[in-house]
């Protein structure tokens, strides 16, 4: 009897240890997954390793859509959406607008409060020529560090109010987080304010004024990586962009792409 009891005890103990171990594994896995999700949701990033040439974001298109957020359009359509981020005027926006007018192309300009305050005439021209102005926040902060609606709303409404003052029109409710830094809470707050969050599926390092890419370096990124449904991010502060835009649009057009206003993507 003593031996039997001992064996049963051993079985019970081992079973308890096994259950405890599996519980720890499950909890650890949930914690790890939560950490990965949190980290992935702080900085927008892309991987260009897919066989079909469509980049993979660190959040899926399906997940983003639950928050009315996008990083690409319909990849079955040979359409691309051209966007510019503009934190300030650097002397190149007028030339960029001239090229867009030449190609009859409507782009989207995500503006920071400073641009609206210092360059109202350029903002008026954007609106008059049919371009779309989006919200790039009032002060260009790290939005992932903002966790309360009051602060988030202040950044968003500041741009809305300035655009209304400058143009007399209401701002289209599209928003791009500065530097692509965001959180899932940010996506939720933008959605609650009626906004759609717009990331991108193609960009390159064009924002350093004292280290501008050459034409060749720009084309090495912007030509091979263009794809159906691409949301392209360029910076209007870039001297290189102002110099290559005419040829770049021509190349994309020769490849069969139609450069469509982002409102077409949002209407789907």
C-alpha atoms as a PDB file:
ATOM      1  CA  UNK A   1       0.000   0.000   0.000  1.00  0.00           C
ATOM      2  CA  UNK A   2       2.843   2.353   0.813  1.00  0.00           C
ATOM      3  CA  UNK A   3       4.397   1.877  -2.624  1.00  0.00           C
ATOM      4  CA  UNK A   4       1.086   2.413  -4.414  1.00  0.00           C
ATOM      5  CA  UNK A   5       0.412   5.575  -2.427  1.00  0.00           C
ATOM      6  CA  UNK A   6       3.853   6.880  -3.238  1.00  0.00           C
ATOM      7  CA  UNK A   7       3.377   6.280  -6.944  1.00  0.00           C
ATOM      8  CA  UNK A   8       0.012   8.054  -6.900  1.00  0.00           C
ATOM      9  CA  UNK A   9       1.550  10.952  -5.041  1.00  0.00           C
ATOM     10  CA  UNK A  10       4.316  11.200  -7.610  1.00  0.00           C
ATOM     11  CA  UNK A  11       1.731  11.154 -10.419  1.00  0.00           C
ATOM     12  CA  UNK A  12      -0.317  13.906  -8.748  1.00  0.00           C
ATOM     13  CA  UNK A  13       2.763  16.046  -8.153  1.00  0.00           C
ATOM     14  CA  UNK A  14       4.012  15.622 -11.697  1.00  0.00           C
ATOM     15  CA  UNK A  15       0.565  16.416 -13.079  1.00  0.00           C
ATOM     16  CA  UNK A  16       0.385  19.557 -10.974  1.00  0.00           C
ATOM     17  CA  UNK A  17       3.843  20.638 -12.102  1.00  0.00           C
ATOM     18  CA  UNK A  18       2.878  20.038 -15.729  1.00  0.00           C
ATOM     19  CA  UNK A  19      -0.296  22.130 -15.409  1.00  0.00           C
ATOM     20  CA  UNK A  20       1.645  24.891 -13.674  1.00  0.00           C
ATOM     21  CA  UNK A  21       4.342  24.812 -16.369  1.00  0.00           C
ATOM     22  CA  UNK A  22       1.789  24.996 -19.176  1.00  0.00           C
ATOM     23  CA  UNK A  23       0.044  27.899 -17.450  1.00  0.00           C
ATOM     24  CA  UNK A  24       3.323  29.782 -17.218  1.00  0.00           C
ATOM     25  CA  UNK A  25       4.045  29.111 -20.900  1.00  0.00           C
ATOM     26  CA  UNK A  26       0.606  30.355 -21.959  1.00  0.00           C
ATOM     27  CA  UNK A  27       0.853  33.503 -19.838  1.00  0.00           C
ATOM     28  CA  UNK A  28       4.393  34.144 -21.047  1.00  0.00           C
ATOM     29  CA  UNK A  29       3.278  33.678 -24.623  1.00  0.00           C
ATOM     30  CA  UNK A  30       0.411  36.116 -24.165  1.00  0.00           C
ATOM     31  CA  UNK A  31       2.759  38.644 -22.572  1.00  0.00           C
ATOM     32  CA  UNK A  32       5.314  38.223 -25.319  1.00  0.00           C
ATOM     33  CA  UNK A  33       2.681  38.615 -28.017  1.00  0.00           C
ATOM     34  CA  UNK A  34       1.350  41.726 -26.318  1.00  0.00           C
ATOM     35  CA  UNK A  35       4.871  43.165 -26.169  1.00  0.00           C
ATOM     36  CA  UNK A  36       5.498  42.429 -29.819  1.00  0.00           C
ATOM     37  CA  UNK A  37       2.215  44.075 -30.767  1.00  0.00           C
ATOM     38  CA  UNK A  38       2.978  47.136 -28.645  1.00  0.00           C
ATOM     39  CA  UNK A  39       6.487  47.522 -30.073  1.00  0.00           C
ATOM     40  CA  UNK A  40       5.281  46.987 -33.631  1.00  0.00           C
ATOM     41  CA  UNK A  41       2.638  49.636 -33.159  1.00  0.00           C
ATOM     42  CA  UNK A  42       5.070  52.400 -32.194  1.00  0.00           C
ATOM     43  CA  UNK A  43       7.003  52.880 -35.444  1.00  0.00           C
ATOM     44  CA  UNK A  44       5.521  52.258 -38.863  1.00  0.00           C
ATOM     45  CA  UNK A  45       7.795  49.973 -40.838  1.00  0.00           C
ATOM     46  CA  UNK A  46       7.844  48.026 -44.089  1.00  0.00           C
ATOM     47  CA  UNK A  47       9.417  44.843 -45.382  1.00  0.00           C
ATOM     48  CA  UNK A  48      10.059  44.493 -49.137  1.00  0.00           C
ATOM     49  CA  UNK A  49      10.663  40.746 -49.245  1.00  0.00           C
ATOM     50  CA  UNK A  50       7.327  39.601 -50.654  1.00  0.00           C
ATOM     51  CA  UNK A  51       7.381  37.729 -53.943  1.00  0.00           C
ATOM     52  CA  UNK A  52       4.665  39.903 -55.505  1.00  0.00           C
ATOM     53  CA  UNK A  53       6.534  43.148 -54.803  1.00  0.00           C
ATOM     54  CA  UNK A  54       3.887  44.426 -52.398  1.00  0.00           C
ATOM     55  CA  UNK A  55       5.567  45.471 -49.136  1.00  0.00           C
ATOM     56  CA  UNK A  56       4.393  44.072 -45.834  1.00  0.00           C
ATOM     57  CA  UNK A  57       3.664  46.515 -43.031  1.00  0.00           C
ATOM     58  CA  UNK A  58       4.233  45.830 -39.363  1.00  0.00           C
ATOM     59  CA  UNK A  59       0.455  45.872 -39.068  1.00  0.00           C
ATOM     60  CA  UNK A  60      -1.672  44.143 -41.669  1.00  0.00           C
ATOM     61  CA  UNK A  61      -3.976  46.019 -44.012  1.00  0.00           C
ATOM     62  CA  UNK A  62      -6.881  44.100 -42.474  1.00  0.00           C
ATOM     63  CA  UNK A  63      -6.004  45.126 -38.932  1.00  0.00           C
ATOM     64  CA  UNK A  64      -5.496  48.756 -39.955  1.00  0.00           C
ATOM     65  CA  UNK A  65      -8.870  48.877 -41.664  1.00  0.00           C
ATOM     66  CA  UNK A  66     -10.596  48.129 -38.374  1.00  0.00           C
ATOM     67  CA  UNK A  67      -9.421  51.622 -37.366  1.00  0.00           C
ATOM     68  CA  UNK A  68     -10.072  53.228 -40.777  1.00  0.00           C
ATOM     69  CA  UNK A  69      -6.320  53.262 -41.398  1.00  0.00           C
ATOM     70  CA  UNK A  70      -4.478  52.475 -44.635  1.00  0.00           C
ATOM     71  CA  UNK A  71      -0.965  51.936 -45.909  1.00  0.00           C
ATOM     72  CA  UNK A  72      -1.803  50.821 -49.426  1.00  0.00           C
ATOM     73  CA  UNK A  73      -4.683  50.852 -51.842  1.00  0.00           C
ATOM     74  CA  UNK A  74      -6.157  47.994 -53.849  1.00  0.00           C
ATOM     75  CA  UNK A  75      -3.151  46.058 -55.135  1.00  0.00           C
ATOM     76  CA  UNK A  76      -5.167  44.838 -58.111  1.00  0.00           C
ATOM     77  CA  UNK A  77      -5.404  48.371 -59.464  1.00  0.00           C
ATOM     78  CA  UNK A  78      -2.499  49.965 -61.336  1.00  0.00           C
ATOM     79  CA  UNK A  79      -3.060  53.146 -59.370  1.00  0.00           C
ATOM     80  CA  UNK A  80      -0.757  55.013 -57.032  1.00  0.00           C
ATOM     81  CA  UNK A  81      -1.419  57.773 -54.535  1.00  0.00           C
ATOM     82  CA  UNK A  82       1.135  60.560 -54.200  1.00  0.00           C
ATOM     83  CA  UNK A  83       1.517  62.256 -50.830  1.00  0.00           C
ATOM     84  CA  UNK A  84       3.886  64.871 -49.429  1.00  0.00           C
ATOM     85  CA  UNK A  85       4.671  65.603 -45.792  1.00  0.00           C
ATOM     86  CA  UNK A  86       5.339  69.279 -45.108  1.00  0.00           C
ATOM     87  CA  UNK A  87       6.479  70.432 -41.696  1.00  0.00           C
ATOM     88  CA  UNK A  88       7.703  73.764 -43.020  1.00  0.00           C
ATOM     89  CA  UNK A  89       8.371  75.556 -46.295  1.00  0.00           C
ATOM     90  CA  UNK A  90      11.889  75.068 -47.650  1.00  0.00           C
ATOM     91  CA  UNK A  91      11.573  76.865 -50.973  1.00  0.00           C
ATOM     92  CA  UNK A  92      10.565  73.898 -53.154  1.00  0.00           C
ATOM     93  CA  UNK A  93       6.786  73.598 -52.838  1.00  0.00           C
ATOM     94  CA  UNK A  94       6.004  76.072 -55.612  1.00  0.00           C
ATOM     95  CA  UNK A  95       8.110  74.091 -58.089  1.00  0.00           C
ATOM     96  CA  UNK A  96       6.478  70.858 -56.947  1.00  0.00           C
ATOM     97  CA  UNK A  97       3.042  72.378 -57.500  1.00  0.00           C
ATOM     98  CA  UNK A  98       4.103  73.527 -60.971  1.00  0.00           C
ATOM     99  CA  UNK A  99       5.115  69.974 -61.910  1.00  0.00           C
ATOM    100  CA  UNK A 100       1.894  68.506 -60.515  1.00  0.00           C
ATOM    101  CA  UNK A 101      -0.082  71.013 -62.575  1.00  0.00           C
ATOM    102  CA  UNK A 102       1.895  70.076 -65.706  1.00  0.00           C
ATOM    103  CA  UNK A 103       0.993  66.402 -65.212  1.00  0.00           C
ATOM    104  CA  UNK A 104      -2.578  67.159 -64.132  1.00  0.00           C
ATOM    105  CA  UNK A 105      -1.837  65.200 -60.968  1.00  0.00           C
ATOM    106  CA  UNK A 106      -3.636  65.699 -57.676  1.00  0.00           C
ATOM    107  CA  UNK A 107      -1.465  65.025 -54.649  1.00  0.00           C
ATOM    108  CA  UNK A 108      -2.080  65.068 -50.921  1.00  0.00           C
ATOM    109  CA  UNK A 109      -0.098  67.392 -48.651  1.00  0.00           C
ATOM    110  CA  UNK A 110       0.004  66.479 -44.968  1.00  0.00           C
ATOM    111  CA  UNK A 111       0.681  69.813 -43.287  1.00  0.00           C
ATOM    112  CA  UNK A 112       2.004  70.737 -39.860  1.00  0.00           C
ATOM    113  CA  UNK A 113       0.693  73.863 -38.144  1.00  0.00           C
ATOM    114  CA  UNK A 114       3.908  75.761 -38.875  1.00  0.00           C
ATOM    115  CA  UNK A 115       3.396  75.426 -42.642  1.00  0.00           C
ATOM    116  CA  UNK A 116      -0.129  76.792 -42.431  1.00  0.00           C
ATOM    117  CA  UNK A 117       1.031  79.706 -40.287  1.00  0.00           C
ATOM    118  CA  UNK A 118       4.035  80.695 -42.410  1.00  0.00           C
ATOM    119  CA  UNK A 119       2.931  79.789 -45.962  1.00  0.00           C
ATOM    120  CA  UNK A 120      -0.796  80.501 -46.273  1.00  0.00           C
ATOM    121  CA  UNK A 121      -0.524  81.450 -49.964  1.00  0.00           C
ATOM    122  CA  UNK A 122       0.887  78.038 -50.832  1.00  0.00           C
ATOM    123  CA  UNK A 123      -1.896  76.382 -48.848  1.00  0.00           C
ATOM    124  CA  UNK A 124      -4.470  78.424 -50.771  1.00  0.00           C
ATOM    125  CA  UNK A 125      -2.850  77.363 -54.039  1.00  0.00           C
ATOM    126  CA  UNK A 126      -3.010  73.703 -53.011  1.00  0.00           C
ATOM    127  CA  UNK A 127      -6.724  74.014 -52.336  1.00  0.00           C
ATOM    128  CA  UNK A 128      -7.449  76.060 -55.466  1.00  0.00           C
ATOM    129  CA  UNK A 129      -5.643  73.575 -57.730  1.00  0.00           C
ATOM    130  CA  UNK A 130      -7.549  70.602 -56.361  1.00  0.00           C
ATOM    131  CA  UNK A 131      -4.914  69.075 -54.132  1.00  0.00           C
ATOM    132  CA  UNK A 132      -5.909  67.515 -50.844  1.00  0.00           C
ATOM    133  CA  UNK A 133      -4.612  68.832 -47.543  1.00  0.00           C
ATOM    134  CA  UNK A 134      -4.330  66.390 -44.676  1.00  0.00           C
ATOM    135  CA  UNK A 135      -3.551  66.698 -40.987  1.00  0.00           C
ATOM    136  CA  UNK A 136       0.070  66.166 -39.888  1.00  0.00           C
ATOM    137  CA  UNK A 137      -0.608  67.589 -36.393  1.00  0.00           C
ATOM    138  CA  UNK A 138      -0.090  71.052 -34.976  1.00  0.00           C
ATOM    139  CA  UNK A 139       3.415  70.652 -33.537  1.00  0.00           C
ATOM    140  CA  UNK A 140       4.735  67.393 -35.075  1.00  0.00           C
ATOM    141  CA  UNK A 141       5.172  65.487 -31.783  1.00  0.00           C
ATOM    142  CA  UNK A 142       5.698  61.800 -31.139  1.00  0.00           C
ATOM    143  CA  UNK A 143       2.024  60.871 -31.139  1.00  0.00           C
ATOM    144  CA  UNK A 144       2.713  57.429 -29.663  1.00  0.00           C
ATOM    145  CA  UNK A 145       3.599  59.231 -26.426  1.00  0.00           C
ATOM    146  CA  UNK A 146       0.143  60.828 -26.289  1.00  0.00           C
ATOM    147  CA  UNK A 147      -2.326  58.652 -24.435  1.00  0.00           C
ATOM    148  CA  UNK A 148      -5.168  61.036 -23.582  1.00  0.00           C
ATOM    149  CA  UNK A 149      -7.841  62.258 -25.969  1.00  0.00           C
ATOM    150  CA  UNK A 150      -7.592  65.887 -24.860  1.00  0.00           C
ATOM    151  CA  UNK A 151      -3.945  66.195 -25.936  1.00  0.00           C
ATOM    152  CA  UNK A 152      -4.526  64.200 -29.114  1.00  0.00           C
ATOM    153  CA  UNK A 153      -7.516  66.345 -30.042  1.00  0.00           C
ATOM    154  CA  UNK A 154      -5.532  69.545 -29.444  1.00  0.00           C
ATOM    155  CA  UNK A 155      -2.897  68.473 -31.987  1.00  0.00           C
ATOM    156  CA  UNK A 156      -5.558  67.607 -34.545  1.00  0.00           C
ATOM    157  CA  UNK A 157      -7.928  70.527 -34.074  1.00  0.00           C
ATOM    158  CA  UNK A 158      -5.120  73.099 -34.247  1.00  0.00           C
ATOM    159  CA  UNK A 159      -4.521  72.183 -37.904  1.00  0.00           C
ATOM    160  CA  UNK A 160      -8.250  72.069 -38.649  1.00  0.00           C
ATOM    161  CA  UNK A 161      -8.719  75.590 -37.312  1.00  0.00           C
ATOM    162  CA  UNK A 162      -5.739  77.044 -39.196  1.00  0.00           C
ATOM    163  CA  UNK A 163      -6.832  75.474 -42.479  1.00  0.00           C
ATOM    164  CA  UNK A 164     -10.305  76.948 -42.016  1.00  0.00           C
ATOM    165  CA  UNK A 165      -8.800  80.391 -41.346  1.00  0.00           C
ATOM    166  CA  UNK A 166      -6.557  80.228 -44.416  1.00  0.00           C
ATOM    167  CA  UNK A 167      -8.944  78.727 -46.979  1.00  0.00           C
ATOM    168  CA  UNK A 168     -12.427  79.142 -45.548  1.00  0.00           C
ATOM    169  CA  UNK A 169     -12.896  75.410 -46.108  1.00  0.00           C
ATOM    170  CA  UNK A 170     -13.087  72.421 -43.804  1.00  0.00           C
ATOM    171  CA  UNK A 171     -10.112  70.083 -43.708  1.00  0.00           C
ATOM    172  CA  UNK A 172     -10.609  66.593 -45.103  1.00  0.00           C
ATOM    173  CA  UNK A 173     -10.365  64.278 -42.107  1.00  0.00           C
ATOM    174  CA  UNK A 174      -7.231  62.332 -42.966  1.00  0.00           C
ATOM    175  CA  UNK A 175      -4.265  62.177 -40.622  1.00  0.00           C
ATOM    176  CA  UNK A 176      -0.663  61.011 -40.808  1.00  0.00           C
ATOM    177  CA  UNK A 177       1.317  60.463 -37.594  1.00  0.00           C
ATOM    178  CA  UNK A 178       4.621  62.384 -37.635  1.00  0.00           C
ATOM    179  CA  UNK A 179       7.562  60.051 -38.364  1.00  0.00           C
ATOM    180  CA  UNK A 180       5.088  57.178 -38.492  1.00  0.00           C
ATOM    181  CA  UNK A 181       5.095  56.940 -34.696  1.00  0.00           C
ATOM    182  CA  UNK A 182       1.763  55.755 -33.398  1.00  0.00           C
ATOM    183  CA  UNK A 183      -0.044  53.474 -31.012  1.00  0.00           C
ATOM    184  CA  UNK A 184      -3.201  51.463 -31.291  1.00  0.00           C
ATOM    185  CA  UNK A 185      -4.812  54.001 -28.965  1.00  0.00           C
ATOM    186  CA  UNK A 186      -3.858  56.752 -31.447  1.00  0.00           C
ATOM    187  CA  UNK A 187      -5.619  54.890 -34.246  1.00  0.00           C
ATOM    188  CA  UNK A 188      -8.679  54.525 -32.046  1.00  0.00           C
ATOM    189  CA  UNK A 189      -8.676  58.210 -31.055  1.00  0.00           C
ATOM    190  CA  UNK A 190      -8.306  59.348 -34.663  1.00  0.00           C
ATOM    191  CA  UNK A 191     -11.208  57.110 -35.615  1.00  0.00           C
ATOM    192  CA  UNK A 192     -13.350  58.555 -32.817  1.00  0.00           C
ATOM    193  CA  UNK A 193     -12.665  62.038 -34.211  1.00  0.00           C
ATOM    194  CA  UNK A 194     -13.845  60.893 -37.630  1.00  0.00           C
ATOM    195  CA  UNK A 195     -10.351  60.655 -39.107  1.00  0.00           C
ATOM    196  CA  UNK A 196      -8.745  58.081 -41.360  1.00  0.00           C
ATOM    197  CA  UNK A 197      -5.066  57.413 -40.666  1.00  0.00           C
ATOM    198  CA  UNK A 198      -2.829  57.273 -43.737  1.00  0.00           C
ATOM    199  CA  UNK A 199       0.534  55.518 -43.595  1.00  0.00           C
ATOM    200  CA  UNK A 200       2.561  54.640 -46.711  1.00  0.00           C
ATOM    201  CA  UNK A 201       3.955  51.723 -48.681  1.00  0.00           C
ATOM    202  CA  UNK A 202       6.830  53.517 -50.410  1.00  0.00           C
ATOM    203  CA  UNK A 203       9.225  56.177 -49.158  1.00  0.00           C
ATOM    204  CA  UNK A 204      12.935  56.883 -49.063  1.00  0.00           C
ATOM    205  CA  UNK A 205      15.340  58.973 -46.986  1.00  0.00           C
ATOM    206  CA  UNK A 206      14.728  62.416 -48.483  1.00  0.00           C
ATOM    207  CA  UNK A 207      14.341  64.644 -45.418  1.00  0.00           C
ATOM    208  CA  UNK A 208      17.914  65.586 -44.472  1.00  0.00           C
ATOM    209  CA  UNK A 209      18.547  69.043 -45.919  1.00  0.00           C
ATOM    210  CA  UNK A 210      22.324  68.756 -45.627  1.00  0.00           C
ATOM    211  CA  UNK A 211      22.474  65.234 -47.035  1.00  0.00           C
ATOM    212  CA  UNK A 212      20.104  65.091 -49.973  1.00  0.00           C
ATOM    213  CA  UNK A 213      20.073  61.938 -52.113  1.00  0.00           C
ATOM    214  CA  UNK A 214      21.261  62.103 -55.688  1.00  0.00           C
ATOM    215  CA  UNK A 215      18.837  61.617 -58.557  1.00  0.00           C
ATOM    216  CA  UNK A 216      20.233  58.108 -59.060  1.00  0.00           C
ATOM    217  CA  UNK A 217      19.783  57.195 -55.400  1.00  0.00           C
ATOM    218  CA  UNK A 218      16.214  58.455 -55.458  1.00  0.00           C
ATOM    219  CA  UNK A 219      15.293  56.539 -58.603  1.00  0.00           C
ATOM    220  CA  UNK A 220      16.946  53.368 -57.262  1.00  0.00           C
ATOM    221  CA  UNK A 221      14.309  53.363 -54.509  1.00  0.00           C
ATOM    222  CA  UNK A 222      11.295  54.949 -56.172  1.00  0.00           C
ATOM    223  CA  UNK A 223      11.246  53.093 -59.485  1.00  0.00           C
ATOM    224  CA  UNK A 224      11.829  49.390 -58.608  1.00  0.00           C
ATOM    225  CA  UNK A 225       9.636  49.526 -55.489  1.00  0.00           C
ATOM    226  CA  UNK A 226       6.597  51.180 -57.020  1.00  0.00           C
ATOM    227  CA  UNK A 227       3.623  48.805 -57.001  1.00  0.00           C
ATOM    228  CA  UNK A 228      -0.103  48.628 -57.556  1.00  0.00           C
ATOM    229  CA  UNK A 229      -1.996  50.613 -54.944  1.00  0.00           C
ATOM    230  CA  UNK A 230       1.138  52.298 -53.581  1.00  0.00           C
ATOM    231  CA  UNK A 231       0.745  55.190 -51.186  1.00  0.00           C
ATOM    232  CA  UNK A 232       3.950  57.119 -51.847  1.00  0.00           C
ATOM    233  CA  UNK A 233       5.435  59.404 -49.202  1.00  0.00           C
ATOM    234  CA  UNK A 234       7.779  62.195 -50.290  1.00  0.00           C
ATOM    235  CA  UNK A 235       8.817  65.344 -48.441  1.00  0.00           C
ATOM    236  CA  UNK A 236       8.215  68.715 -50.053  1.00  0.00           C
ATOM    237  CA  UNK A 237      11.240  70.065 -48.177  1.00  0.00           C
ATOM    238  CA  UNK A 238      13.518  67.960 -50.409  1.00  0.00           C
ATOM    239  CA  UNK A 239      15.541  69.727 -53.092  1.00  0.00           C
ATOM    240  CA  UNK A 240      16.038  66.401 -54.849  1.00  0.00           C
ATOM    241  CA  UNK A 241      12.310  65.760 -55.011  1.00  0.00           C
ATOM    242  CA  UNK A 242      11.691  69.151 -56.588  1.00  0.00           C
ATOM    243  CA  UNK A 243      14.327  68.400 -59.235  1.00  0.00           C
ATOM    244  CA  UNK A 244      13.290  64.830 -60.103  1.00  0.00           C
ATOM    245  CA  UNK A 245       9.507  65.024 -59.786  1.00  0.00           C
ATOM    246  CA  UNK A 246       8.790  65.789 -63.441  1.00  0.00           C
ATOM    247  CA  UNK A 247      10.897  62.873 -64.662  1.00  0.00           C
ATOM    248  CA  UNK A 248       9.667  60.619 -61.856  1.00  0.00           C
ATOM    249  CA  UNK A 249       6.004  61.153 -62.738  1.00  0.00           C
ATOM    250  CA  UNK A 250       6.810  60.573 -66.406  1.00  0.00           C
ATOM    251  CA  UNK A 251       8.554  57.287 -65.583  1.00  0.00           C
ATOM    252  CA  UNK A 252       5.648  56.073 -63.482  1.00  0.00           C
ATOM    253  CA  UNK A 253       3.193  57.065 -66.206  1.00  0.00           C
ATOM    254  CA  UNK A 254       5.294  55.241 -68.815  1.00  0.00           C
ATOM    255  CA  UNK A 255       5.107  52.144 -66.600  1.00  0.00           C
ATOM    256  CA  UNK A 256       1.328  52.311 -66.905  1.00  0.00           C
ATOM    257  CA  UNK A 257       0.492  53.750 -63.505  1.00  0.00           C
ATOM    258  CA  UNK A 258      -2.346  56.187 -62.952  1.00  0.00           C
ATOM    259  CA  UNK A 259      -1.670  58.718 -60.200  1.00  0.00           C
ATOM    260  CA  UNK A 260      -5.021  59.083 -58.467  1.00  0.00           C
ATOM    261  CA  UNK A 261      -6.234  61.408 -55.699  1.00  0.00           C
ATOM    262  CA  UNK A 262      -6.338  59.719 -52.346  1.00  0.00           C
ATOM    263  CA  UNK A 263     -10.062  60.418 -52.103  1.00  0.00           C
ATOM    264  CA  UNK A 264     -10.564  57.550 -54.574  1.00  0.00           C
ATOM    265  CA  UNK A 265      -8.877  55.167 -52.153  1.00  0.00           C
ATOM    266  CA  UNK A 266     -10.942  56.446 -49.231  1.00  0.00           C
ATOM    267  CA  UNK A 267     -14.189  56.057 -51.151  1.00  0.00           C
ATOM    268  CA  UNK A 268     -13.705  52.280 -51.470  1.00  0.00           C
END
